[in-house]
Each structure stands twice: as structure tokens, then as C-alpha cells.
N, C-alpha and C. Protein backbone atom coordinates (compact mmCIF):
# COMPACT_ATOMS: atom_id res chain seq x y z
N MET A 1 188.75 179.85 -45.75
CA MET A 1 187.84 180.87 -46.18
C MET A 1 186.45 180.24 -46.32
N ASP A 2 185.44 180.91 -45.77
CA ASP A 2 184.08 180.42 -45.84
C ASP A 2 183.38 181.04 -47.05
N ILE A 3 183.03 180.23 -48.01
CA ILE A 3 182.32 180.68 -49.21
C ILE A 3 180.96 180.02 -49.20
N PRO A 4 179.87 180.81 -49.16
CA PRO A 4 178.53 180.22 -49.13
C PRO A 4 178.29 179.29 -50.32
N ARG A 5 177.61 178.19 -50.09
CA ARG A 5 177.21 177.21 -51.11
C ARG A 5 178.40 176.57 -51.83
N ARG A 6 179.58 176.65 -51.26
CA ARG A 6 180.76 176.06 -51.90
C ARG A 6 180.69 174.55 -51.81
N ALA A 7 180.92 173.89 -52.92
CA ALA A 7 180.88 172.43 -52.96
C ALA A 7 182.13 171.85 -52.31
N VAL A 8 181.99 170.67 -51.78
CA VAL A 8 183.11 169.91 -51.24
C VAL A 8 183.68 169.07 -52.38
N GLY A 9 185.00 169.01 -52.50
CA GLY A 9 185.62 168.22 -53.54
C GLY A 9 186.02 166.84 -53.05
N TYR A 10 186.07 165.90 -54.00
CA TYR A 10 186.40 164.51 -53.67
C TYR A 10 187.47 163.98 -54.61
N ARG A 11 188.21 162.99 -54.11
CA ARG A 11 189.24 162.32 -54.89
C ARG A 11 189.16 160.83 -54.63
N LEU A 12 189.76 160.06 -55.52
CA LEU A 12 189.86 158.62 -55.32
C LEU A 12 191.14 158.32 -54.55
N GLU A 13 191.05 157.46 -53.57
CA GLU A 13 192.22 157.08 -52.78
C GLU A 13 193.17 156.26 -53.63
N THR A 14 194.45 156.56 -53.49
CA THR A 14 195.48 155.76 -54.15
C THR A 14 196.49 155.31 -53.10
N VAL A 15 197.10 154.18 -53.36
CA VAL A 15 198.16 153.67 -52.49
C VAL A 15 199.31 153.21 -53.38
N GLU A 16 200.49 153.20 -52.81
CA GLU A 16 201.67 152.72 -53.52
C GLU A 16 201.86 151.24 -53.21
N VAL A 17 201.89 150.41 -54.24
CA VAL A 17 202.12 148.98 -54.08
C VAL A 17 203.25 148.60 -55.02
N GLU A 18 204.37 148.23 -54.44
CA GLU A 18 205.54 147.81 -55.22
C GLU A 18 205.87 148.83 -56.31
N ASP A 19 206.06 150.08 -55.92
CA ASP A 19 206.42 151.18 -56.82
C ASP A 19 205.37 151.47 -57.89
N GLU A 20 204.15 151.11 -57.63
CA GLU A 20 203.06 151.38 -58.57
C GLU A 20 201.90 152.01 -57.81
N THR A 21 201.30 153.04 -58.41
CA THR A 21 200.15 153.69 -57.79
C THR A 21 198.89 152.91 -58.16
N VAL A 22 198.15 152.52 -57.15
CA VAL A 22 196.93 151.72 -57.34
C VAL A 22 195.75 152.50 -56.76
N VAL A 23 194.65 152.59 -57.52
CA VAL A 23 193.43 153.23 -57.04
C VAL A 23 192.66 152.19 -56.24
N THR A 24 192.34 152.52 -54.99
CA THR A 24 191.62 151.56 -54.14
C THR A 24 190.12 151.59 -54.38
N GLY A 25 189.63 152.69 -54.94
CA GLY A 25 188.19 152.84 -55.14
C GLY A 25 187.51 153.61 -54.04
N ALA A 26 188.20 153.82 -52.93
CA ALA A 26 187.61 154.60 -51.83
C ALA A 26 187.53 156.07 -52.25
N ILE A 27 186.43 156.71 -51.93
CA ILE A 27 186.23 158.13 -52.24
C ILE A 27 186.50 158.93 -50.98
N LEU A 28 187.44 159.87 -51.09
CA LEU A 28 187.86 160.68 -49.96
C LEU A 28 187.62 162.16 -50.24
N GLN A 29 187.35 162.92 -49.20
CA GLN A 29 187.22 164.36 -49.36
C GLN A 29 188.59 164.95 -49.66
N SER A 30 188.66 165.83 -50.65
CA SER A 30 189.91 166.50 -51.00
C SER A 30 190.23 167.56 -49.96
N GLY A 31 191.50 167.78 -49.74
CA GLY A 31 191.91 168.86 -48.86
C GLY A 31 191.82 170.20 -49.56
N SER A 32 192.08 171.26 -48.83
CA SER A 32 192.06 172.60 -49.40
C SER A 32 193.45 173.01 -49.82
N SER A 33 193.50 173.82 -50.85
CA SER A 33 194.77 174.30 -51.35
C SER A 33 194.56 175.68 -51.96
N ASP A 34 195.53 176.56 -51.82
CA ASP A 34 195.48 177.87 -52.45
C ASP A 34 195.91 177.70 -53.90
N VAL A 35 194.97 177.86 -54.82
CA VAL A 35 195.27 177.66 -56.24
C VAL A 35 195.57 178.97 -56.96
N SER A 36 195.63 180.08 -56.22
CA SER A 36 195.83 181.38 -56.86
C SER A 36 197.20 181.49 -57.54
N TRP A 37 198.17 180.69 -57.12
CA TRP A 37 199.50 180.74 -57.73
C TRP A 37 199.46 180.39 -59.21
N LYS A 38 198.44 179.66 -59.61
CA LYS A 38 198.36 179.28 -61.03
C LYS A 38 197.20 179.99 -61.73
N ALA A 39 196.89 181.19 -61.29
CA ALA A 39 195.78 181.95 -61.88
C ALA A 39 195.88 182.08 -63.40
N PRO A 40 197.06 182.31 -63.98
CA PRO A 40 197.11 182.41 -65.44
C PRO A 40 196.66 181.13 -66.15
N SER A 41 196.77 179.99 -65.51
CA SER A 41 196.33 178.75 -66.16
C SER A 41 195.00 178.28 -65.62
N GLY A 42 194.32 179.10 -64.85
CA GLY A 42 192.98 178.73 -64.41
C GLY A 42 192.83 178.48 -62.93
N GLY A 43 193.72 178.96 -62.11
CA GLY A 43 193.62 178.72 -60.67
C GLY A 43 192.56 179.57 -60.02
N PHE A 44 191.33 179.37 -60.44
CA PHE A 44 190.22 180.15 -59.92
C PHE A 44 189.22 179.23 -59.23
N ILE A 45 188.51 179.79 -58.28
CA ILE A 45 187.36 179.12 -57.70
C ILE A 45 186.15 179.84 -58.27
N SER A 46 185.26 179.11 -58.91
CA SER A 46 184.17 179.73 -59.63
C SER A 46 182.87 179.00 -59.35
N SER A 47 181.79 179.56 -59.87
CA SER A 47 180.47 178.93 -59.78
C SER A 47 179.93 178.76 -61.19
N ILE A 48 178.89 177.98 -61.32
CA ILE A 48 178.28 177.79 -62.64
C ILE A 48 177.72 179.12 -63.15
N GLU A 49 177.24 179.96 -62.23
CA GLU A 49 176.74 181.28 -62.64
C GLU A 49 177.87 182.12 -63.22
N ASN A 50 179.05 182.10 -62.57
CA ASN A 50 180.21 182.83 -63.09
C ASN A 50 180.60 182.32 -64.47
N MET A 51 180.59 181.01 -64.65
CA MET A 51 180.96 180.44 -65.95
C MET A 51 179.96 180.83 -67.03
N ALA A 52 178.67 180.88 -66.69
CA ALA A 52 177.66 181.31 -67.65
C ALA A 52 177.90 182.77 -68.06
N GLN A 53 178.24 183.60 -67.09
CA GLN A 53 178.54 185.00 -67.39
C GLN A 53 179.79 185.11 -68.26
N PHE A 54 180.80 184.29 -67.98
CA PHE A 54 182.01 184.30 -68.79
C PHE A 54 181.68 183.91 -70.23
N CYS A 55 180.94 182.83 -70.40
CA CYS A 55 180.57 182.39 -71.76
C CYS A 55 179.79 183.48 -72.49
N ASN A 56 178.82 184.07 -71.82
CA ASN A 56 178.04 185.13 -72.44
C ASN A 56 178.93 186.31 -72.81
N GLY A 57 179.89 186.63 -71.95
CA GLY A 57 180.81 187.72 -72.26
C GLY A 57 181.67 187.43 -73.47
N VAL A 58 182.20 186.22 -73.55
CA VAL A 58 183.03 185.85 -74.70
C VAL A 58 182.20 185.91 -75.98
N LEU A 59 180.96 185.46 -75.92
CA LEU A 59 180.12 185.42 -77.11
C LEU A 59 179.50 186.77 -77.46
N ASN A 60 179.17 187.59 -76.46
CA ASN A 60 178.31 188.75 -76.74
C ASN A 60 178.77 190.09 -76.20
N HIS A 61 179.79 190.14 -75.35
CA HIS A 61 180.15 191.43 -74.77
C HIS A 61 180.73 192.35 -75.84
N PRO A 62 180.30 193.62 -75.86
CA PRO A 62 180.77 194.53 -76.91
C PRO A 62 182.28 194.78 -76.89
N SER A 63 182.94 194.57 -75.74
CA SER A 63 184.39 194.79 -75.71
C SER A 63 185.16 193.64 -76.34
N VAL A 64 184.50 192.51 -76.59
CA VAL A 64 185.13 191.38 -77.29
C VAL A 64 184.63 191.42 -78.73
N THR A 65 185.44 191.98 -79.60
CA THR A 65 185.02 192.18 -80.99
C THR A 65 185.08 190.88 -81.79
N ASP A 66 184.43 190.89 -82.94
CA ASP A 66 184.50 189.73 -83.83
C ASP A 66 185.94 189.43 -84.24
N ASP A 67 186.74 190.48 -84.45
CA ASP A 67 188.15 190.28 -84.79
C ASP A 67 188.89 189.58 -83.65
N MET A 68 188.60 189.97 -82.41
CA MET A 68 189.23 189.32 -81.26
C MET A 68 188.82 187.86 -81.18
N ARG A 69 187.55 187.59 -81.37
CA ARG A 69 187.08 186.20 -81.34
C ARG A 69 187.77 185.39 -82.44
N GLY A 70 187.95 186.01 -83.59
CA GLY A 70 188.63 185.33 -84.69
C GLY A 70 190.03 184.90 -84.31
N VAL A 71 190.75 185.76 -83.59
CA VAL A 71 192.10 185.43 -83.15
C VAL A 71 192.07 184.33 -82.09
N LEU A 72 191.12 184.42 -81.15
CA LEU A 72 191.01 183.38 -80.12
C LEU A 72 190.76 182.01 -80.73
N TRP A 73 189.95 182.00 -81.78
CA TRP A 73 189.40 180.75 -82.29
C TRP A 73 189.97 180.36 -83.65
N GLU A 74 191.23 180.65 -83.86
CA GLU A 74 191.88 180.14 -85.06
C GLU A 74 193.21 179.52 -84.66
N PRO A 75 193.64 178.49 -85.39
CA PRO A 75 194.91 177.84 -85.05
C PRO A 75 196.04 178.86 -85.05
N GLN A 76 196.96 178.69 -84.13
CA GLN A 76 198.07 179.62 -83.95
C GLN A 76 199.37 179.01 -84.45
N PRO A 77 200.30 179.85 -84.93
CA PRO A 77 201.59 179.32 -85.41
C PRO A 77 202.44 178.79 -84.25
N LEU A 78 203.12 177.70 -84.53
CA LEU A 78 204.05 177.12 -83.57
C LEU A 78 205.44 177.73 -83.78
N LEU A 79 206.36 177.44 -82.87
CA LEU A 79 207.71 178.00 -82.97
C LEU A 79 208.41 177.61 -84.27
N ASP A 80 208.11 176.42 -84.79
CA ASP A 80 208.77 175.98 -86.02
C ASP A 80 208.11 176.55 -87.27
N GLY A 81 207.10 177.41 -87.10
CA GLY A 81 206.44 178.05 -88.24
C GLY A 81 205.21 177.33 -88.75
N THR A 82 205.02 176.08 -88.34
CA THR A 82 203.82 175.37 -88.75
C THR A 82 202.64 175.84 -87.89
N MET A 83 201.45 175.52 -88.34
CA MET A 83 200.26 175.91 -87.59
C MET A 83 199.88 174.81 -86.61
N SER A 84 199.35 175.24 -85.47
CA SER A 84 198.88 174.26 -84.49
C SER A 84 197.73 173.47 -85.08
N ASP A 85 197.56 172.28 -84.61
CA ASP A 85 196.48 171.43 -85.08
C ASP A 85 195.35 171.47 -84.06
N GLY A 86 194.47 172.44 -84.21
CA GLY A 86 193.29 172.47 -83.36
C GLY A 86 193.45 173.19 -82.04
N TYR A 87 194.35 174.19 -81.96
CA TYR A 87 194.44 174.96 -80.73
C TYR A 87 194.59 176.43 -81.06
N GLY A 88 193.69 177.24 -80.49
CA GLY A 88 193.74 178.69 -80.65
C GLY A 88 194.44 179.31 -79.45
N LEU A 89 193.94 180.45 -79.01
CA LEU A 89 194.49 181.10 -77.82
C LEU A 89 193.65 180.71 -76.62
N GLY A 90 194.06 179.65 -75.94
CA GLY A 90 193.35 179.18 -74.76
C GLY A 90 192.18 178.27 -75.03
N PHE A 91 191.90 177.99 -76.28
CA PHE A 91 190.77 177.14 -76.64
C PHE A 91 191.22 176.05 -77.61
N SER A 92 190.76 174.84 -77.37
CA SER A 92 190.91 173.79 -78.37
C SER A 92 189.81 173.98 -79.39
N LEU A 93 190.09 173.63 -80.63
CA LEU A 93 189.17 173.88 -81.74
C LEU A 93 188.87 172.58 -82.47
N ARG A 94 187.58 172.34 -82.75
CA ARG A 94 187.23 171.17 -83.56
C ARG A 94 185.81 171.32 -84.06
N ILE A 95 185.44 170.44 -84.93
CA ILE A 95 184.06 170.34 -85.41
C ILE A 95 183.42 169.22 -84.62
N HIS A 96 182.25 169.49 -84.02
CA HIS A 96 181.52 168.48 -83.26
C HIS A 96 180.09 168.44 -83.77
N ASN A 97 179.68 167.29 -84.26
CA ASN A 97 178.33 167.14 -84.84
C ASN A 97 178.05 168.22 -85.88
N GLY A 98 179.06 168.52 -86.70
CA GLY A 98 178.90 169.49 -87.78
C GLY A 98 178.95 170.95 -87.35
N ARG A 99 179.29 171.21 -86.11
CA ARG A 99 179.30 172.58 -85.59
C ARG A 99 180.72 172.96 -85.13
N ASN A 100 181.07 174.24 -85.33
CA ASN A 100 182.34 174.75 -84.80
C ASN A 100 182.29 174.75 -83.28
N LEU A 101 183.26 174.09 -82.68
CA LEU A 101 183.33 173.97 -81.22
C LEU A 101 184.65 174.54 -80.74
N MET A 102 184.58 175.45 -79.77
CA MET A 102 185.73 175.98 -79.08
C MET A 102 185.59 175.53 -77.64
N TRP A 103 186.56 174.79 -77.13
CA TRP A 103 186.39 174.23 -75.79
C TRP A 103 187.65 174.37 -74.96
N HIS A 104 187.44 174.28 -73.67
CA HIS A 104 188.55 174.31 -72.72
C HIS A 104 188.15 173.47 -71.52
N ASN A 105 189.10 172.73 -71.01
CA ASN A 105 188.82 171.95 -69.80
C ASN A 105 189.98 172.11 -68.83
N GLY A 106 189.75 171.65 -67.64
CA GLY A 106 190.80 171.72 -66.65
C GLY A 106 190.43 170.96 -65.40
N ALA A 107 191.44 170.65 -64.63
CA ALA A 107 191.23 169.95 -63.36
C ALA A 107 192.27 170.45 -62.37
N GLN A 108 191.87 170.48 -61.16
CA GLN A 108 192.77 170.79 -60.06
C GLN A 108 192.17 170.15 -58.82
N GLN A 109 192.84 170.33 -57.71
CA GLN A 109 192.34 169.74 -56.47
C GLN A 109 190.87 170.10 -56.30
N LYS A 110 190.03 169.11 -56.07
CA LYS A 110 188.59 169.22 -55.79
C LYS A 110 187.69 169.28 -57.02
N THR A 111 188.22 169.43 -58.23
CA THR A 111 187.31 169.71 -59.34
C THR A 111 187.85 169.28 -60.70
N GLU A 112 186.91 169.05 -61.62
CA GLU A 112 187.20 168.92 -63.04
C GLU A 112 186.08 169.63 -63.77
N THR A 113 186.42 170.43 -64.78
CA THR A 113 185.46 171.28 -65.46
C THR A 113 185.69 171.21 -66.97
N ASN A 114 184.60 171.36 -67.72
CA ASN A 114 184.68 171.41 -69.18
C ASN A 114 183.69 172.44 -69.68
N MET A 115 184.15 173.28 -70.63
CA MET A 115 183.32 174.32 -71.22
C MET A 115 183.35 174.18 -72.73
N ASN A 116 182.19 174.04 -73.35
CA ASN A 116 182.06 173.97 -74.80
C ASN A 116 181.34 175.22 -75.29
N ILE A 117 181.96 175.96 -76.21
CA ILE A 117 181.36 177.16 -76.79
C ILE A 117 181.11 176.91 -78.27
N TYR A 118 179.89 177.20 -78.69
CA TYR A 118 179.48 177.09 -80.09
C TYR A 118 179.15 178.49 -80.58
N PRO A 119 180.13 179.21 -81.13
CA PRO A 119 179.89 180.61 -81.50
C PRO A 119 178.83 180.78 -82.59
N ASP A 120 178.75 179.85 -83.53
CA ASP A 120 177.77 179.98 -84.61
C ASP A 120 176.35 179.81 -84.10
N ASP A 121 176.18 179.11 -82.99
CA ASP A 121 174.86 178.89 -82.39
C ASP A 121 174.61 179.83 -81.22
N ASP A 122 175.61 180.63 -80.83
CA ASP A 122 175.52 181.50 -79.66
C ASP A 122 175.15 180.70 -78.42
N MET A 123 175.82 179.55 -78.26
CA MET A 123 175.53 178.65 -77.14
C MET A 123 176.82 178.25 -76.43
N CYS A 124 176.67 178.00 -75.15
CA CYS A 124 177.77 177.51 -74.34
C CYS A 124 177.23 176.48 -73.36
N PHE A 125 177.97 175.40 -73.18
CA PHE A 125 177.61 174.35 -72.24
C PHE A 125 178.79 174.16 -71.29
N VAL A 126 178.50 174.09 -69.99
CA VAL A 126 179.56 173.94 -68.99
C VAL A 126 179.16 172.84 -68.02
N VAL A 127 180.11 171.98 -67.69
CA VAL A 127 179.94 171.03 -66.60
C VAL A 127 181.08 171.28 -65.61
N MET A 128 180.70 171.46 -64.36
CA MET A 128 181.66 171.60 -63.27
C MET A 128 181.40 170.46 -62.30
N THR A 129 182.41 169.68 -62.00
CA THR A 129 182.24 168.57 -61.07
C THR A 129 183.03 168.84 -59.80
N ASN A 130 182.62 168.19 -58.74
CA ASN A 130 183.38 168.30 -57.49
C ASN A 130 184.15 167.01 -57.23
N SER A 131 184.62 166.41 -58.31
CA SER A 131 185.49 165.24 -58.19
C SER A 131 186.70 165.46 -59.08
N GLU A 132 187.78 164.82 -58.73
CA GLU A 132 189.02 164.96 -59.48
C GLU A 132 189.14 163.92 -60.59
N TRP A 133 188.17 163.02 -60.71
CA TRP A 133 188.28 161.95 -61.70
C TRP A 133 187.12 161.92 -62.69
N ALA A 134 186.16 162.79 -62.55
CA ALA A 134 184.98 162.77 -63.42
C ALA A 134 185.38 163.00 -64.87
N SER A 135 184.61 162.45 -65.76
CA SER A 135 184.83 162.67 -67.18
C SER A 135 183.96 163.84 -67.63
N SER A 136 184.42 165.05 -67.32
CA SER A 136 183.60 166.23 -67.60
C SER A 136 183.36 166.43 -69.10
N GLY A 137 184.28 165.98 -69.94
CA GLY A 137 184.07 166.09 -71.39
C GLY A 137 182.88 165.27 -71.84
N ALA A 138 182.79 164.03 -71.38
CA ALA A 138 181.64 163.18 -71.73
C ALA A 138 180.36 163.73 -71.13
N LEU A 139 180.44 164.26 -69.91
CA LEU A 139 179.25 164.82 -69.26
C LEU A 139 178.74 166.05 -70.00
N VAL A 140 179.64 166.94 -70.42
CA VAL A 140 179.18 168.15 -71.10
C VAL A 140 178.57 167.80 -72.46
N GLU A 141 179.11 166.79 -73.14
CA GLU A 141 178.52 166.38 -74.41
C GLU A 141 177.16 165.73 -74.21
N ALA A 142 176.98 164.97 -73.14
CA ALA A 142 175.67 164.38 -72.84
C ALA A 142 174.66 165.48 -72.51
N LEU A 143 175.08 166.48 -71.75
CA LEU A 143 174.21 167.61 -71.44
C LEU A 143 173.80 168.33 -72.71
N GLU A 144 174.77 168.58 -73.56
CA GLU A 144 174.48 169.24 -74.83
C GLU A 144 173.51 168.43 -75.68
N ASP A 145 173.77 167.14 -75.81
CA ASP A 145 172.88 166.28 -76.62
C ASP A 145 171.46 166.29 -76.07
N ALA A 146 171.33 166.22 -74.74
CA ALA A 146 170.00 166.23 -74.13
C ALA A 146 169.29 167.55 -74.41
N TYR A 147 170.01 168.66 -74.29
CA TYR A 147 169.39 169.96 -74.55
C TYR A 147 169.00 170.10 -76.01
N ARG A 148 169.92 169.77 -76.90
CA ARG A 148 169.64 169.93 -78.33
C ARG A 148 168.48 169.03 -78.79
N SER A 149 168.29 167.90 -78.11
CA SER A 149 167.18 167.01 -78.49
C SER A 149 165.82 167.63 -78.20
N THR A 150 165.78 168.68 -77.38
CA THR A 150 164.52 169.36 -77.07
C THR A 150 164.22 170.49 -78.04
N LEU A 151 165.19 170.84 -78.88
CA LEU A 151 165.00 171.95 -79.81
C LEU A 151 164.22 171.49 -81.04
N PRO A 152 163.46 172.41 -81.64
CA PRO A 152 162.71 172.04 -82.86
C PRO A 152 163.63 171.76 -84.02
């Protein structure tokens, strides 16, 4: 399928040496794969513009009520009756630099992505990479720190 402005994905080459997987360091173009089979867990092809719209929708769309956000962003009960430690409905939950952070990350062939949502600040930061090994969590936090350093 031809998608305009679609990024090419990359992976690190690995080889098997004596029953052990070794990374050679060579960077190879990733092949294509239909990821739609895992759509419920994120098998989507997206753009940064789409992710910005998603973040804005989660934070501000009138069909997503404050009560709904509360359910998304609170720890959920586990099967044994205890509460999860830092996981809501599809979002990991934590305090980052004194702020409530709701985040989600994922990786699949060609990409690794991280999305940080700060509901109290009405802000969202997203990093999408076209590599399968990038540290998108560290990148999104660096992006956030750089942006916040420009604020009064």
C-alpha cells in the first residue's frame, strides 16, 4: 500500500551464535507486515498529526467526560481483588516531576512510540520513531523537558 510521506522503518541486525542472539550493529530496513490483526492492542499505522488529534480528543473532546477520564486514569482492580500498581485502562499512571502522568508506549515492526499525557496541564507529548530499538520513553521525556524549559 502506498501511503504518502510514510516513514521507512529500521531494525538492528541479529544473528544466532551458539544458541544466543547477538546484535551485529548493522542497521537494516524493516520489512512490511499487516499489523491490523492486533488492532485492539495498537496495530495501527499513524502519523504524529493523528496522535496529536488523539491526545486532544482524550483531553478535550466533549464525548469524553471527566467521569470517563477518571476511570481511564485510576488504578484498576486485579483478579485477586487488589488494586493494580500504576495501571489504569490502557494507560500507565505515575507522578513525573510532580505532575500526574498518564502514558502509553508500544513497539511493532518498523516503529517504537511513546505518548505522555498530563491532564492537569492539558498537555500531551508524543515521540514516534522509525526504529525498533529507539528509547522512545527517554526521547519523549527529553522533548518534554526542552519544551517546559521555554515556559515562564
